Amino acid sequence: MLAECIYLLESVYELEAARAVELMRAAISLPAIVTLDPELLLRALEAHETDGLDFAEAYLVAHAEVTGVGEILSFDRSIDRVGSVTRREP
């Protein structure tokens, strides 16, 4: 759902990534919103904003970091911008 919100805010409402991320950080912090792993989502938002990754790739990066896997199979070279994980082509 977070990915959908980011997509809508940036593409339909034409918000800058920084503003979309700010709004989603605020939403995650609301008591009425329950997430399984807020730290993972916050890291994904950070990677989306600072590394310029699409949110889906940013989520993969955050998940690889949190789980300690450290490696992602992907054709998307934008992941190479993140030094904490290694991208390998499938």
C-alpha atoms as a PDB file:
ATOM      1  CA  MET A   1       0.000   0.000   0.000  1.00  0.00           C
ATOM      2  CA  LEU A   2       2.859   2.380   0.759  1.00  0.00           C
ATOM      3  CA  ALA A   3       4.217   1.854  -2.750  1.00  0.00           C
ATOM      4  CA  GLU A   4       0.805   2.754  -4.183  1.00  0.00           C
ATOM      5  CA  CYS A   5       0.672   5.938  -2.102  1.00  0.00           C
ATOM      6  CA  ILE A   6       4.157   6.986  -3.228  1.00  0.00           C
ATOM      7  CA  TYR A   7       3.232   6.297  -6.845  1.00  0.00           C
ATOM      8  CA  LEU A   8       0.026   8.345  -6.637  1.00  0.00           C
ATOM      9  CA  LEU A   9       1.631  11.261  -4.821  1.00  0.00           C
ATOM     10  CA  GLU A  10       4.505  11.503  -7.286  1.00  0.00           C
ATOM     11  CA  SER A  11       2.841  10.663 -10.583  1.00  0.00           C
ATOM     12  CA  VAL A  12      -0.777  11.752 -10.238  1.00  0.00           C
ATOM     13  CA  TYR A  13      -0.332  14.636  -7.788  1.00  0.00           C
ATOM     14  CA  GLU A  14       3.133  15.475  -9.156  1.00  0.00           C
ATOM     15  CA  LEU A  15       4.760  15.909  -5.761  1.00  0.00           C
ATOM     16  CA  GLU A  16       8.525  15.861  -5.443  1.00  0.00           C
ATOM     17  CA  ALA A  17       9.915  12.665  -3.914  1.00  0.00           C
ATOM     18  CA  ALA A  18      11.004  14.536  -0.776  1.00  0.00           C
ATOM     19  CA  ARG A  19       7.450  15.791  -0.138  1.00  0.00           C
ATOM     20  CA  ALA A  20       5.869  12.396  -0.835  1.00  0.00           C
ATOM     21  CA  VAL A  21       8.328  10.749   1.555  1.00  0.00           C
ATOM     22  CA  GLU A  22       7.620  13.388   4.200  1.00  0.00           C
ATOM     23  CA  LEU A  23       3.889  12.688   3.983  1.00  0.00           C
ATOM     24  CA  MET A  24       4.386   8.926   4.167  1.00  0.00           C
ATOM     25  CA  ARG A  25       6.706   9.241   7.170  1.00  0.00           C
ATOM     26  CA  ALA A  26       3.992  11.249   8.891  1.00  0.00           C
ATOM     27  CA  ALA A  27       1.372   8.633   7.998  1.00  0.00           C
ATOM     28  CA  ILE A  28       3.514   5.779   9.346  1.00  0.00           C
ATOM     29  CA  SER A  29       3.883   7.624  12.654  1.00  0.00           C
ATOM     30  CA  LEU A  30       0.116   7.957  13.157  1.00  0.00           C
ATOM     31  CA  PRO A  31      -1.218   5.733  15.961  1.00  0.00           C
ATOM     32  CA  ALA A  32      -4.117   4.643  13.742  1.00  0.00           C
ATOM     33  CA  ILE A  33      -1.720   3.148  11.172  1.00  0.00           C
ATOM     34  CA  VAL A  34      -0.249  -0.203  12.130  1.00  0.00           C
ATOM     35  CA  THR A  35       2.652  -1.688  10.174  1.00  0.00           C
ATOM     36  CA  LEU A  36       4.545  -4.921  10.649  1.00  0.00           C
ATOM     37  CA  ASP A  37       7.970  -3.323  10.322  1.00  0.00           C
ATOM     38  CA  PRO A  38       7.979   0.483  10.414  1.00  0.00           C
ATOM     39  CA  GLU A  39      11.803   0.655  10.464  1.00  0.00           C
ATOM     40  CA  LEU A  40      11.954  -1.267   7.184  1.00  0.00           C
ATOM     41  CA  LEU A  41       9.428   1.072   5.590  1.00  0.00           C
ATOM     42  CA  LEU A  42      11.250   4.155   6.855  1.00  0.00           C
ATOM     43  CA  ARG A  43      14.535   2.844   5.427  1.00  0.00           C
ATOM     44  CA  ALA A  44      12.816   2.154   2.100  1.00  0.00           C
ATOM     45  CA  LEU A  45      11.483   5.705   2.056  1.00  0.00           C
ATOM     46  CA  GLU A  46      14.979   6.996   2.808  1.00  0.00           C
ATOM     47  CA  ALA A  47      16.522   4.988  -0.048  1.00  0.00           C
ATOM     48  CA  HIS A  48      13.776   6.178  -2.394  1.00  0.00           C
ATOM     49  CA  GLU A  49      14.425   9.798  -1.495  1.00  0.00           C
ATOM     50  CA  THR A  50      18.205   9.915  -1.141  1.00  0.00           C
ATOM     51  CA  ASP A  51      19.318   7.339  -3.701  1.00  0.00           C
ATOM     52  CA  GLY A  52      16.665   8.134  -6.297  1.00  0.00           C
ATOM     53  CA  LEU A  53      15.424   4.551  -6.501  1.00  0.00           C
ATOM     54  CA  ASP A  54      11.902   3.627  -7.472  1.00  0.00           C
ATOM     55  CA  PHE A  55      10.081   2.665  -4.304  1.00  0.00           C
ATOM     56  CA  ALA A  56       9.966  -1.032  -5.243  1.00  0.00           C
ATOM     57  CA  GLU A  57      13.749  -1.164  -5.584  1.00  0.00           C
ATOM     58  CA  ALA A  58      14.169   0.911  -2.422  1.00  0.00           C
ATOM     59  CA  TYR A  59      12.060  -1.640  -0.548  1.00  0.00           C
ATOM     60  CA  LEU A  60      14.220  -4.484  -1.884  1.00  0.00           C
ATOM     61  CA  VAL A  61      17.344  -2.643  -0.722  1.00  0.00           C
ATOM     62  CA  ALA A  62      15.886  -2.016   2.731  1.00  0.00           C
ATOM     63  CA  HIS A  63      14.805  -5.640   3.051  1.00  0.00           C
ATOM     64  CA  ALA A  64      18.238  -6.925   1.992  1.00  0.00           C
ATOM     65  CA  GLU A  65      19.868  -4.639   4.562  1.00  0.00           C
ATOM     66  CA  VAL A  66      17.540  -5.574   7.422  1.00  0.00           C
ATOM     67  CA  THR A  67      17.747  -9.319   6.799  1.00  0.00           C
ATOM     68  CA  GLY A  68      21.500  -9.234   6.302  1.00  0.00           C
ATOM     69  CA  VAL A  69      21.236 -10.844   2.868  1.00  0.00           C
ATOM     70  CA  GLY A  70      23.123  -7.951   1.326  1.00  0.00           C
ATOM     71  CA  GLU A  71      22.554  -9.123  -2.262  1.00  0.00           C
ATOM     72  CA  ILE A  72      19.741  -8.466  -4.721  1.00  0.00           C
ATOM     73  CA  LEU A  73      19.071 -10.185  -8.040  1.00  0.00           C
ATOM     74  CA  SER A  74      17.835  -7.513 -10.417  1.00  0.00           C
ATOM     75  CA  PHE A  75      18.353  -6.054 -13.856  1.00  0.00           C
ATOM     76  CA  ASP A  76      17.760  -2.558 -12.415  1.00  0.00           C
ATOM     77  CA  ARG A  77      21.144  -0.838 -12.340  1.00  0.00           C
ATOM     78  CA  SER A  78      19.842   1.980 -10.142  1.00  0.00           C
ATOM     79  CA  ILE A  79      20.395  -0.361  -7.182  1.00  0.00           C
ATOM     80  CA  ASP A  80      24.139   0.031  -7.813  1.00  0.00           C
ATOM     81  CA  ARG A  81      23.866   3.540  -6.310  1.00  0.00           C
ATOM     82  CA  VAL A  82      23.432   1.984  -2.869  1.00  0.00           C
ATOM     83  CA  GLY A  83      26.698   0.874  -1.337  1.00  0.00           C
ATOM     84  CA  SER A  84      25.182  -1.329   1.363  1.00  0.00           C
ATOM     85  CA  VAL A  85      23.985  -4.056  -1.032  1.00  0.00           C
ATOM     86  CA  THR A  86      25.354  -5.841  -4.071  1.00  0.00           C
ATOM     87  CA  ARG A  87      23.242  -6.196  -7.199  1.00  0.00           C
ATOM     88  CA  ARG A  88      23.653  -9.284  -9.324  1.00  0.00           C
ATOM     89  CA  GLU A  89      21.951  -9.893 -12.651  1.00  0.00           C
ATOM     90  CA  PRO A  90      19.790 -13.014 -12.722  1.00  0.00           C
END
